Amino acid sequence: MSFEYGGYMGRVLRVNLTRNKTLEEKLGKGFVEKFVGGKGYAWYLFKELSLGVDPLSPESKLIFATGPLTGTTAPGYAGRQFVVTKSPLIGIF
């Protein structure tokens, strides 16, 4: 069952550049409510990284996430997007 929830479309697209493959995953409405906002969702995906992974390695993640008001008419916040990765300089989110 698909749902629209602001900037969320009920799914995530994972792109593996090393293997040249994509995978679409469906998300439940409860997941979206638990991890509100692009930052919350990006943090959830970021937690999938193993401790000590090199930020510049193929195992690292580059996450693009939209805010919950993306696609709405909310002034000032309707176009928020986040790009999240592990910093090569300080090694954290």
Protein backbone atom coordinates (compact mmCIF):
# COMPACT_ATOMS: atom_id res chain seq x y z
CA MET A 1 0.00 0.00 0.00
CA SER A 2 1.46 3.31 -1.06
CA PHE A 3 0.86 6.57 0.77
CA GLU A 4 1.82 10.18 0.34
CA TYR A 5 2.99 11.99 3.43
CA GLY A 6 4.37 15.44 2.61
CA GLY A 7 7.80 14.88 1.05
CA TYR A 8 7.66 11.13 1.59
CA MET A 9 6.29 8.76 -1.00
CA GLY A 10 6.46 5.62 1.14
CA ARG A 11 9.65 4.25 -0.35
CA VAL A 12 13.41 4.63 -0.50
CA LEU A 13 15.70 4.04 -3.47
CA ARG A 14 19.06 2.45 -2.70
CA VAL A 15 21.71 2.83 -5.40
CA ASN A 16 24.85 0.68 -5.31
CA LEU A 17 27.37 2.34 -7.60
CA THR A 18 29.93 -0.45 -7.21
CA ARG A 19 27.53 -3.13 -8.49
CA ASN A 20 25.52 -0.78 -10.74
CA LYS A 21 22.26 -1.92 -9.08
CA THR A 22 19.20 -0.23 -7.61
CA LEU A 23 16.71 -1.47 -5.03
CA GLU A 24 13.41 0.15 -4.11
CA GLU A 25 12.18 -0.47 -0.55
CA LYS A 26 8.70 0.32 0.72
CA LEU A 27 8.35 2.10 4.06
CA GLY A 28 5.51 1.82 6.50
CA LYS A 29 3.63 4.88 7.68
CA GLY A 30 4.84 4.20 11.24
CA PHE A 31 8.45 4.48 10.09
CA VAL A 32 7.82 7.91 8.59
CA GLU A 33 6.11 9.08 11.78
CA LYS A 34 8.99 7.80 13.95
CA PHE A 35 11.76 9.44 11.90
CA VAL A 36 10.18 12.80 11.08
CA GLY A 37 12.11 14.97 8.67
CA GLY A 38 14.92 14.36 6.24
CA LYS A 39 17.51 14.64 8.99
CA GLY A 40 15.83 11.97 11.10
CA TYR A 41 15.54 9.59 8.20
CA ALA A 42 19.13 10.27 7.05
CA TRP A 43 20.34 9.56 10.60
CA TYR A 44 18.49 6.22 10.55
CA LEU A 45 20.22 5.23 7.29
CA PHE A 46 23.56 6.53 8.56
CA LYS A 47 23.33 4.14 11.53
CA GLU A 48 23.64 1.25 9.04
CA LEU A 49 27.34 2.08 8.61
CA SER A 50 29.81 -0.14 10.42
CA LEU A 51 31.95 1.57 13.04
CA GLY A 52 35.30 2.55 11.62
CA VAL A 53 34.24 2.49 7.96
CA ASP A 54 36.43 4.77 5.85
CA PRO A 55 34.36 7.79 4.73
CA LEU A 56 35.86 7.54 1.23
CA SER A 57 35.36 3.78 0.81
CA PRO A 58 32.64 2.15 -1.33
CA GLU A 59 30.96 0.93 1.89
CA SER A 60 30.29 4.51 2.97
CA LYS A 61 26.91 6.11 2.24
CA LEU A 62 25.89 9.31 0.50
CA ILE A 63 22.30 9.97 1.57
CA PHE A 64 19.87 12.35 -0.13
CA ALA A 65 16.71 12.96 1.91
CA THR A 66 13.77 15.33 1.58
CA GLY A 67 12.08 17.18 4.41
CA PRO A 68 8.51 16.33 5.45
CA LEU A 69 7.09 19.47 3.84
CA THR A 70 8.68 18.93 0.43
CA GLY A 71 5.97 18.92 -2.19
CA THR A 72 3.59 21.00 -0.10
CA THR A 73 2.83 24.71 -0.29
CA ALA A 74 4.39 25.51 3.11
CA PRO A 75 6.33 28.78 2.76
CA GLY A 76 10.05 28.60 3.41
CA TYR A 77 10.23 24.86 4.10
CA ALA A 78 8.63 23.23 1.06
CA GLY A 79 11.93 22.65 -0.72
CA ARG A 80 14.21 21.40 2.04
CA GLN A 81 16.61 18.61 1.18
CA PHE A 82 19.50 17.07 3.04
CA VAL A 83 22.70 15.46 1.82
CA VAL A 84 24.36 13.41 4.56
CA THR A 85 27.59 11.42 4.62
CA LYS A 86 30.41 10.56 7.00
CA SER A 87 32.89 13.43 7.12
CA PRO A 88 36.42 12.55 5.97
CA LEU A 89 37.70 15.41 8.13
CA ILE A 90 36.16 14.51 11.50
CA GLY A 91 34.79 10.99 10.84
CA ILE A 92 31.23 11.58 12.06
CA PHE A 93 27.74 12.49 10.75
